[in-house]
Amino acid sequence: MFKHIIIFISIIFVLAVTLPFIVVFLNVDFNLLIEISKSPEFLDAVETTFLAGFTATFIAIIFGIPFAYAITRYNFPFKSILEAIVDIPQTIPHTAAGIALLMTLGRASTIGKIADNFGISFVQTFWGVVAAMGFLNFSIFVNSVKEGFRKLDIRYEKVARSLGATPSKVFFLISIPMVKHEIITGALLMWARGISEFGAVAILAYYPMTLSVLTYDRFQGYGLKQSLALTALIFIMSMIIFVVIRVIQNLWKYSETR
């Protein structure tokens, strides 16, 4: 009896998740979908979205791995506060985050003026999209890598140190390779979450348009029909992305159990 209740609840849950997808594909104009998929606006939005997501994730890798390592390996004052600060963007409305970024990175801000001297602007530019994606999703990557370092037996690092390896060699040649799965998974999840960002991106950098902003723009300017076709295209790409991520994760698990 209990087994059947669990299965029934699971089916209801899956239906609740998949119903919006089904409704979209039942109502979309597939001729329009194909037409939009070939349009320059859509292709430009795909390029901007994916490239900005990759750039934000790459920056997160550079800064996030050392931060995650420091949090898991060293004790220092206010460590818990620093961890909490990194997680804050996940808990605030994304539009509020966009306003905060606009005030911090806008042309009138100190950072904005300094960046302008190097020919970089964050308002209505590609780098604004990168900043919004990175700010809101950085913690996804960091938390994944932190779990990897926490699960890593510190004795491996101590043995390497006892054999004469420097701390930097231990970090790059022992620690990082042993948490590569968590690093790759965190990077994929951050990138996947970043490309769906709307609120902060729309406020800081409406242009160049990302896929989410383009969908909203088409809904406002052309109505439901065009935005529905864009939504269906985004659903298709999202499903492909997450299927690939799950396949990679399952292959890792399979290779580790052999």
C-alpha atoms as a PDB file:
ATOM      1  CA  MET A   1       0.000   0.000   0.000  1.00  0.00           C
ATOM      2  CA  PHE A   2       2.741   2.436   0.971  1.00  0.00           C
ATOM      3  CA  LYS A   3       4.608   1.696  -2.272  1.00  0.00           C
ATOM      4  CA  HIS A   4       1.521   2.544  -4.353  1.00  0.00           C
ATOM      5  CA  ILE A   5       0.997   5.811  -2.460  1.00  0.00           C
ATOM      6  CA  ILE A   6       4.602   6.835  -3.115  1.00  0.00           C
ATOM      7  CA  ILE A   7       4.288   5.982  -6.813  1.00  0.00           C
ATOM      8  CA  PHE A   8       0.990   7.889  -7.082  1.00  0.00           C
ATOM      9  CA  ILE A   9       2.498  10.995  -5.427  1.00  0.00           C
ATOM     10  CA  SER A  10       5.528  10.749  -7.732  1.00  0.00           C
ATOM     11  CA  ILE A  11       3.303  10.577 -10.818  1.00  0.00           C
ATOM     12  CA  ILE A  12       1.337  13.631  -9.689  1.00  0.00           C
ATOM     13  CA  PHE A  13       4.585  15.499  -9.110  1.00  0.00           C
ATOM     14  CA  VAL A  14       5.970  14.592 -12.538  1.00  0.00           C
ATOM     15  CA  LEU A  15       2.702  15.600 -14.217  1.00  0.00           C
ATOM     16  CA  ALA A  16       2.753  18.958 -12.406  1.00  0.00           C
ATOM     17  CA  VAL A  17       6.274  19.599 -13.685  1.00  0.00           C
ATOM     18  CA  THR A  18       5.684  18.426 -17.256  1.00  0.00           C
ATOM     19  CA  LEU A  19       2.204  19.909 -17.783  1.00  0.00           C
ATOM     20  CA  PRO A  20       3.438  23.421 -18.723  1.00  0.00           C
ATOM     21  CA  PHE A  21       5.795  21.855 -21.293  1.00  0.00           C
ATOM     22  CA  ILE A  22       2.970  19.814 -22.765  1.00  0.00           C
ATOM     23  CA  VAL A  23       0.628  22.811 -22.937  1.00  0.00           C
ATOM     24  CA  VAL A  24       3.278  24.905 -24.710  1.00  0.00           C
ATOM     25  CA  PHE A  25       3.942  22.277 -27.379  1.00  0.00           C
ATOM     26  CA  LEU A  26       0.229  21.620 -27.903  1.00  0.00           C
ATOM     27  CA  ASN A  27      -0.400  25.300 -28.630  1.00  0.00           C
ATOM     28  CA  VAL A  28       2.754  26.412 -30.433  1.00  0.00           C
ATOM     29  CA  ASP A  29       2.798  27.236 -34.145  1.00  0.00           C
ATOM     30  CA  PHE A  30       5.613  24.969 -35.374  1.00  0.00           C
ATOM     31  CA  ASN A  31       5.967  26.853 -38.672  1.00  0.00           C
ATOM     32  CA  LEU A  32       6.569  30.035 -36.705  1.00  0.00           C
ATOM     33  CA  LEU A  33       8.917  28.143 -34.393  1.00  0.00           C
ATOM     34  CA  ILE A  34      11.065  27.057 -37.363  1.00  0.00           C
ATOM     35  CA  GLU A  35      10.956  30.585 -38.809  1.00  0.00           C
ATOM     36  CA  ILE A  36      12.080  32.184 -35.532  1.00  0.00           C
ATOM     37  CA  SER A  37      14.815  29.570 -35.048  1.00  0.00           C
ATOM     38  CA  LYS A  38      16.435  30.854 -38.260  1.00  0.00           C
ATOM     39  CA  SER A  39      16.009  34.566 -37.508  1.00  0.00           C
ATOM     40  CA  PRO A  40      19.108  36.732 -36.842  1.00  0.00           C
ATOM     41  CA  GLU A  41      17.580  38.052 -33.586  1.00  0.00           C
ATOM     42  CA  PHE A  42      17.183  34.538 -32.189  1.00  0.00           C
ATOM     43  CA  LEU A  43      20.646  33.389 -33.287  1.00  0.00           C
ATOM     44  CA  ASP A  44      22.235  36.523 -31.822  1.00  0.00           C
ATOM     45  CA  ALA A  45      20.372  35.941 -28.552  1.00  0.00           C
ATOM     46  CA  VAL A  46      21.562  32.317 -28.434  1.00  0.00           C
ATOM     47  CA  GLU A  47      25.158  33.429 -29.029  1.00  0.00           C
ATOM     48  CA  THR A  48      24.966  36.157 -26.375  1.00  0.00           C
ATOM     49  CA  THR A  49      23.277  33.907 -23.830  1.00  0.00           C
ATOM     50  CA  PHE A  50      25.570  30.915 -24.195  1.00  0.00           C
ATOM     51  CA  LEU A  51      28.794  32.928 -24.493  1.00  0.00           C
ATOM     52  CA  ALA A  52      27.932  35.129 -21.491  1.00  0.00           C
ATOM     53  CA  GLY A  53      27.084  32.010 -19.486  1.00  0.00           C
ATOM     54  CA  PHE A  54      30.417  30.408 -20.392  1.00  0.00           C
ATOM     55  CA  THR A  55      32.323  33.608 -19.562  1.00  0.00           C
ATOM     56  CA  ALA A  56      30.629  34.011 -16.172  1.00  0.00           C
ATOM     57  CA  THR A  57      31.295  30.352 -15.391  1.00  0.00           C
ATOM     58  CA  PHE A  58      34.947  30.615 -16.417  1.00  0.00           C
ATOM     59  CA  ILE A  59      35.420  33.595 -14.082  1.00  0.00           C
ATOM     60  CA  ALA A  60      33.665  31.647 -11.314  1.00  0.00           C
ATOM     61  CA  ILE A  61      36.079  28.737 -11.823  1.00  0.00           C
ATOM     62  CA  ILE A  62      39.111  31.007 -11.462  1.00  0.00           C
ATOM     63  CA  PHE A  63      37.925  32.641  -8.239  1.00  0.00           C
ATOM     64  CA  GLY A  64      35.554  30.008  -6.874  1.00  0.00           C
ATOM     65  CA  ILE A  65      37.930  27.055  -6.570  1.00  0.00           C
ATOM     66  CA  PRO A  66      40.441  28.899  -4.319  1.00  0.00           C
ATOM     67  CA  PHE A  67      37.568  30.316  -2.256  1.00  0.00           C
ATOM     68  CA  ALA A  68      35.966  26.879  -1.792  1.00  0.00           C
ATOM     69  CA  TYR A  69      39.348  25.410  -0.846  1.00  0.00           C
ATOM     70  CA  ALA A  70      40.002  28.152   1.715  1.00  0.00           C
ATOM     71  CA  ILE A  71      36.579  27.680   3.274  1.00  0.00           C
ATOM     72  CA  THR A  72      37.001  23.915   3.639  1.00  0.00           C
ATOM     73  CA  ARG A  73      40.655  23.755   4.651  1.00  0.00           C
ATOM     74  CA  TYR A  74      41.410  26.823   6.783  1.00  0.00           C
ATOM     75  CA  ASN A  75      39.932  28.338   9.924  1.00  0.00           C
ATOM     76  CA  PHE A  76      39.821  32.120  10.085  1.00  0.00           C
ATOM     77  CA  PRO A  77      37.602  34.824  11.604  1.00  0.00           C
ATOM     78  CA  PHE A  78      34.173  35.404  10.068  1.00  0.00           C
ATOM     79  CA  LYS A  79      34.386  32.310   7.848  1.00  0.00           C
ATOM     80  CA  SER A  80      30.685  31.513   8.346  1.00  0.00           C
ATOM     81  CA  ILE A  81      29.768  35.088   7.488  1.00  0.00           C
ATOM     82  CA  LEU A  82      31.730  34.898   4.240  1.00  0.00           C
ATOM     83  CA  GLU A  83      29.939  31.678   3.313  1.00  0.00           C
ATOM     84  CA  ALA A  84      26.583  33.310   4.033  1.00  0.00           C
ATOM     85  CA  ILE A  85      27.476  36.390   1.951  1.00  0.00           C
ATOM     86  CA  VAL A  86      28.240  34.238  -1.086  1.00  0.00           C
ATOM     87  CA  ASP A  87      24.817  32.571  -0.766  1.00  0.00           C
ATOM     88  CA  ILE A  88      22.867  35.843  -0.404  1.00  0.00           C
ATOM     89  CA  PRO A  89      22.277  36.382  -4.165  1.00  0.00           C
ATOM     90  CA  GLN A  90      20.326  33.095  -4.227  1.00  0.00           C
ATOM     91  CA  THR A  91      17.840  34.426  -1.692  1.00  0.00           C
ATOM     92  CA  ILE A  92      17.000  37.885  -3.058  1.00  0.00           C
ATOM     93  CA  PRO A  93      14.639  38.790  -5.927  1.00  0.00           C
ATOM     94  CA  HIS A  94      16.611  38.970  -9.139  1.00  0.00           C
ATOM     95  CA  THR A  95      15.184  42.358 -10.030  1.00  0.00           C
ATOM     96  CA  ALA A  96      16.516  43.679  -6.723  1.00  0.00           C
ATOM     97  CA  ALA A  97      19.885  42.153  -7.575  1.00  0.00           C
ATOM     98  CA  GLY A  98      19.766  43.929 -10.930  1.00  0.00           C
ATOM     99  CA  ILE A  99      19.153  47.291  -9.269  1.00  0.00           C
ATOM    100  CA  ALA A 100      22.034  46.641  -6.851  1.00  0.00           C
ATOM    101  CA  LEU A 101      24.311  45.778  -9.770  1.00  0.00           C
ATOM    102  CA  LEU A 102      23.197  48.860 -11.681  1.00  0.00           C
ATOM    103  CA  MET A 103      24.120  51.070  -8.740  1.00  0.00           C
ATOM    104  CA  THR A 104      27.433  49.248  -8.278  1.00  0.00           C
ATOM    105  CA  LEU A 105      28.526  48.936 -11.907  1.00  0.00           C
ATOM    106  CA  GLY A 106      26.669  51.838 -13.553  1.00  0.00           C
ATOM    107  CA  ARG A 107      28.505  54.593 -15.378  1.00  0.00           C
ATOM    108  CA  ALA A 108      28.169  56.969 -12.422  1.00  0.00           C
ATOM    109  CA  SER A 109      29.572  54.463  -9.923  1.00  0.00           C
ATOM    110  CA  THR A 110      33.214  54.268  -8.869  1.00  0.00           C
ATOM    111  CA  ILE A 111      33.677  50.816 -10.410  1.00  0.00           C
ATOM    112  CA  GLY A 112      31.895  51.947 -13.555  1.00  0.00           C
ATOM    113  CA  LYS A 113      34.197  54.948 -13.938  1.00  0.00           C
ATOM    114  CA  ILE A 114      37.315  52.847 -13.390  1.00  0.00           C
ATOM    115  CA  ALA A 115      36.119  50.224 -15.888  1.00  0.00           C
ATOM    116  CA  ASP A 116      35.327  52.970 -18.393  1.00  0.00           C
ATOM    117  CA  ASN A 117      39.015  53.972 -18.373  1.00  0.00           C
ATOM    118  CA  PHE A 118      39.777  50.500 -19.728  1.00  0.00           C
ATOM    119  CA  GLY A 119      37.003  50.691 -22.308  1.00  0.00           C
ATOM    120  CA  ILE A 120      34.653  48.417 -20.365  1.00  0.00           C
ATOM    121  CA  SER A 121      31.029  49.236 -19.628  1.00  0.00           C
ATOM    122  CA  PHE A 122      28.475  47.091 -17.819  1.00  0.00           C
ATOM    123  CA  VAL A 123      25.280  48.935 -18.737  1.00  0.00           C
ATOM    124  CA  GLN A 124      23.580  47.639 -21.888  1.00  0.00           C
ATOM    125  CA  THR A 125      26.640  45.582 -22.871  1.00  0.00           C
ATOM    126  CA  PHE A 126      27.771  41.968 -23.027  1.00  0.00           C
ATOM    127  CA  TRP A 127      29.807  42.434 -19.841  1.00  0.00           C
ATOM    128  CA  GLY A 128      26.685  43.528 -18.027  1.00  0.00           C
ATOM    129  CA  VAL A 129      25.043  40.224 -18.963  1.00  0.00           C
ATOM    130  CA  VAL A 130      28.123  38.375 -17.682  1.00  0.00           C
ATOM    131  CA  ALA A 131      28.090  40.336 -14.413  1.00  0.00           C
ATOM    132  CA  ALA A 132      24.403  39.603 -13.786  1.00  0.00           C
ATOM    133  CA  MET A 133      24.753  35.888 -14.545  1.00  0.00           C
ATOM    134  CA  GLY A 134      27.893  35.558 -12.442  1.00  0.00           C
ATOM    135  CA  PHE A 135      26.615  37.500  -9.443  1.00  0.00           C
ATOM    136  CA  LEU A 136      23.419  35.492  -9.111  1.00  0.00           C
ATOM    137  CA  ASN A 137      24.816  32.025  -9.812  1.00  0.00           C
ATOM    138  CA  PHE A 138      28.363  32.085  -8.454  1.00  0.00           C
ATOM    139  CA  SER A 139      27.280  30.289  -5.275  1.00  0.00           C
ATOM    140  CA  ILE A 140      25.954  27.307  -7.269  1.00  0.00           C
ATOM    141  CA  PHE A 141      29.473  26.569  -8.455  1.00  0.00           C
ATOM    142  CA  VAL A 142      31.130  27.351  -5.126  1.00  0.00           C
ATOM    143  CA  ASN A 143      28.784  25.110  -3.125  1.00  0.00           C
ATOM    144  CA  SER A 144      29.371  22.198  -5.493  1.00  0.00           C
ATOM    145  CA  VAL A 145      33.154  22.518  -5.211  1.00  0.00           C
ATOM    146  CA  LYS A 146      32.968  22.963  -1.428  1.00  0.00           C
ATOM    147  CA  GLU A 147      31.164  19.633  -1.128  1.00  0.00           C
ATOM    148  CA  GLY A 148      33.871  18.028  -3.220  1.00  0.00           C
ATOM    149  CA  PHE A 149      36.676  19.341  -1.012  1.00  0.00           C
ATOM    150  CA  ARG A 150      34.765  18.360   2.144  1.00  0.00           C
ATOM    151  CA  LYS A 151      34.370  14.780   0.903  1.00  0.00           C
ATOM    152  CA  LEU A 152      38.044  14.584  -0.089  1.00  0.00           C
ATOM    153  CA  ASP A 153      40.098  12.763   2.532  1.00  0.00           C
ATOM    154  CA  ILE A 154      42.652  15.309   3.781  1.00  0.00           C
ATOM    155  CA  ARG A 155      45.144  12.488   4.348  1.00  0.00           C
ATOM    156  CA  TYR A 156      45.959  12.500   0.623  1.00  0.00           C
ATOM    157  CA  GLU A 157      47.098  16.108   0.940  1.00  0.00           C
ATOM    158  CA  LYS A 158      49.063  15.400   4.131  1.00  0.00           C
ATOM    159  CA  VAL A 159      50.888  12.474   2.530  1.00  0.00           C
ATOM    160  CA  ALA A 160      51.851  14.647  -0.438  1.00  0.00           C
ATOM    161  CA  ARG A 161      53.119  17.352   1.918  1.00  0.00           C
ATOM    162  CA  SER A 162      55.147  14.786   3.892  1.00  0.00           C
ATOM    163  CA  LEU A 163      56.816  13.717   0.645  1.00  0.00           C
ATOM    164  CA  GLY A 164      57.976  17.274   0.000  1.00  0.00           C
ATOM    165  CA  ALA A 165      55.211  18.730  -2.158  1.00  0.00           C
ATOM    166  CA  THR A 166      54.591  22.433  -1.673  1.00  0.00           C
ATOM    167  CA  PRO A 167      51.081  23.670  -0.743  1.00  0.00           C
ATOM    168  CA  SER A 168      50.592  24.981  -4.273  1.00  0.00           C
ATOM    169  CA  LYS A 169      51.576  21.628  -5.820  1.00  0.00           C
ATOM    170  CA  VAL A 170      49.211  19.809  -3.468  1.00  0.00           C
ATOM    171  CA  PHE A 171      46.420  22.187  -4.455  1.00  0.00           C
ATOM    172  CA  PHE A 172      46.938  21.931  -8.229  1.00  0.00           C
ATOM    173  CA  LEU A 173      48.162  18.334  -8.581  1.00  0.00           C
ATOM    174  CA  ILE A 174      46.286  16.511  -5.795  1.00  0.00           C
ATOM    175  CA  SER A 175      43.240  18.413  -4.554  1.00  0.00           C
ATOM    176  CA  ILE A 176      41.814  19.848  -7.776  1.00  0.00           C
ATOM    177  CA  PRO A 177      42.097  16.624  -9.850  1.00  0.00           C
ATOM    178  CA  MET A 178      40.369  14.663  -7.089  1.00  0.00           C
ATOM    179  CA  VAL A 179      37.318  16.957  -7.099  1.00  0.00           C
ATOM    180  CA  LYS A 180      37.124  17.348 -10.876  1.00  0.00           C
ATOM    181  CA  HIS A 181      33.650  15.806 -10.986  1.00  0.00           C
ATOM    182  CA  GLU A 182      32.255  18.396  -8.572  1.00  0.00           C
ATOM    183  CA  ILE A 183      34.032  21.201 -10.454  1.00  0.00           C
ATOM    184  CA  ILE A 184      32.593  20.137 -13.811  1.00  0.00           C
ATOM    185  CA  THR A 185      29.121  19.483 -12.387  1.00  0.00           C
ATOM    186  CA  GLY A 186      29.090  22.834 -10.580  1.00  0.00           C
ATOM    187  CA  ALA A 187      30.253  24.617 -13.724  1.00  0.00           C
ATOM    188  CA  LEU A 188      27.568  22.957 -15.856  1.00  0.00           C
ATOM    189  CA  LEU A 189      24.822  23.746 -13.338  1.00  0.00           C
ATOM    190  CA  MET A 190      25.969  27.350 -12.965  1.00  0.00           C
ATOM    191  CA  TRP A 191      26.086  27.808 -16.724  1.00  0.00           C
ATOM    192  CA  ALA A 192      22.675  26.189 -17.198  1.00  0.00           C
ATOM    193  CA  ARG A 193      21.144  28.374 -14.490  1.00  0.00           C
ATOM    194  CA  GLY A 194      22.886  31.483 -15.795  1.00  0.00           C
ATOM    195  CA  ILE A 195      21.512  31.228 -19.317  1.00  0.00           C
ATOM    196  CA  SER A 196      17.958  31.332 -17.915  1.00  0.00           C
ATOM    197  CA  GLU A 197      18.553  34.546 -15.945  1.00  0.00           C
ATOM    198  CA  PHE A 198      16.130  37.392 -16.685  1.00  0.00           C
ATOM    199  CA  GLY A 199      15.453  39.914 -13.910  1.00  0.00           C
ATOM    200  CA  ALA A 200      18.957  41.200 -13.225  1.00  0.00           C
ATOM    201  CA  VAL A 201      19.969  40.995 -16.886  1.00  0.00           C
ATOM    202  CA  ALA A 202      16.933  42.990 -18.037  1.00  0.00           C
ATOM    203  CA  ILE A 203      17.733  45.818 -15.614  1.00  0.00           C
ATOM    204  CA  LEU A 204      21.503  45.997 -16.079  1.00  0.00           C
ATOM    205  CA  ALA A 205      21.842  44.973 -19.728  1.00  0.00           C
ATOM    206  CA  TYR A 206      18.596  44.698 -21.693  1.00  0.00           C
ATOM    207  CA  TYR A 207      20.790  44.835 -24.780  1.00  0.00           C
ATOM    208  CA  PRO A 208      22.345  42.758 -26.236  1.00  0.00           C
ATOM    209  CA  MET A 209      19.309  40.565 -25.732  1.00  0.00           C
ATOM    210  CA  THR A 210      19.586  37.160 -24.124  1.00  0.00           C
ATOM    211  CA  LEU A 211      17.017  34.441 -24.815  1.00  0.00           C
ATOM    212  CA  SER A 212      14.982  35.267 -21.710  1.00  0.00           C
ATOM    213  CA  VAL A 213      14.946  38.999 -22.489  1.00  0.00           C
ATOM    214  CA  LEU A 214      14.087  38.346 -26.143  1.00  0.00           C
ATOM    215  CA  THR A 215      11.139  36.188 -25.080  1.00  0.00           C
ATOM    216  CA  TYR A 216       9.833  38.940 -22.801  1.00  0.00           C
ATOM    217  CA  ASP A 217      10.405  41.563 -25.507  1.00  0.00           C
ATOM    218  CA  ARG A 218       8.468  39.539 -28.070  1.00  0.00           C
ATOM    219  CA  PHE A 219       5.632  38.977 -25.601  1.00  0.00           C
ATOM    220  CA  GLN A 220       5.402  42.718 -24.942  1.00  0.00           C
ATOM    221  CA  GLY A 221       5.721  43.753 -28.571  1.00  0.00           C
ATOM    222  CA  TYR A 222       4.084  40.969 -30.573  1.00  0.00           C
ATOM    223  CA  GLY A 223       1.895  39.057 -28.155  1.00  0.00           C
ATOM    224  CA  LEU A 224       1.610  35.456 -27.078  1.00  0.00           C
ATOM    225  CA  LYS A 225       2.044  33.701 -30.419  1.00  0.00           C
ATOM    226  CA  GLN A 226       5.664  34.714 -31.027  1.00  0.00           C
ATOM    227  CA  SER A 227       6.686  34.464 -27.398  1.00  0.00           C
ATOM    228  CA  LEU A 228       5.164  30.966 -27.256  1.00  0.00           C
ATOM    229  CA  ALA A 229       7.326  29.843 -30.176  1.00  0.00           C
ATOM    230  CA  LEU A 230      10.408  31.246 -28.454  1.00  0.00           C
ATOM    231  CA  THR A 231       9.400  29.529 -25.226  1.00  0.00           C
ATOM    232  CA  ALA A 232       9.139  26.192 -27.031  1.00  0.00           C
ATOM    233  CA  LEU A 233      12.606  26.672 -28.526  1.00  0.00           C
ATOM    234  CA  ILE A 234      14.032  27.462 -25.085  1.00  0.00           C
ATOM    235  CA  PHE A 235      12.324  24.396 -23.605  1.00  0.00           C
ATOM    236  CA  ILE A 236      13.887  22.198 -26.284  1.00  0.00           C
ATOM    237  CA  MET A 237      17.378  23.592 -25.644  1.00  0.00           C
ATOM    238  CA  SER A 238      16.947  23.333 -21.876  1.00  0.00           C
ATOM    239  CA  MET A 239      15.864  19.708 -22.105  1.00  0.00           C
ATOM    240  CA  ILE A 240      18.865  18.873 -24.275  1.00  0.00           C
ATOM    241  CA  ILE A 241      21.235  20.641 -21.864  1.00  0.00           C
ATOM    242  CA  PHE A 242      19.949  18.865 -18.773  1.00  0.00           C
ATOM    243  CA  VAL A 243      19.793  15.483 -20.487  1.00  0.00           C
ATOM    244  CA  VAL A 244      23.473  15.911 -21.405  1.00  0.00           C
ATOM    245  CA  ILE A 245      24.316  16.904 -17.803  1.00  0.00           C
ATOM    246  CA  ARG A 246      22.486  13.875 -16.381  1.00  0.00           C
ATOM    247  CA  VAL A 247      24.124  11.528 -18.880  1.00  0.00           C
ATOM    248  CA  ILE A 248      27.576  12.866 -17.917  1.00  0.00           C
ATOM    249  CA  GLN A 249      26.816  12.458 -14.208  1.00  0.00           C
ATOM    250  CA  ASN A 250      25.523   8.898 -14.700  1.00  0.00           C
ATOM    251  CA  LEU A 251      28.586   7.958 -16.776  1.00  0.00           C
ATOM    252  CA  TRP A 252      30.825   9.197 -13.956  1.00  0.00           C
ATOM    253  CA  LYS A 253      28.896   7.185 -11.387  1.00  0.00           C
ATOM    254  CA  TYR A 254      29.075   4.104 -13.591  1.00  0.00           C
ATOM    255  CA  SER A 255      32.827   4.452 -14.150  1.00  0.00           C
ATOM    256  CA  GLU A 256      33.429   4.911 -10.412  1.00  0.00           C
ATOM    257  CA  THR A 257      31.489   1.774  -9.465  1.00  0.00           C
ATOM    258  CA  ARG A 258      33.400  -0.457 -11.896  1.00  0.00           C
END
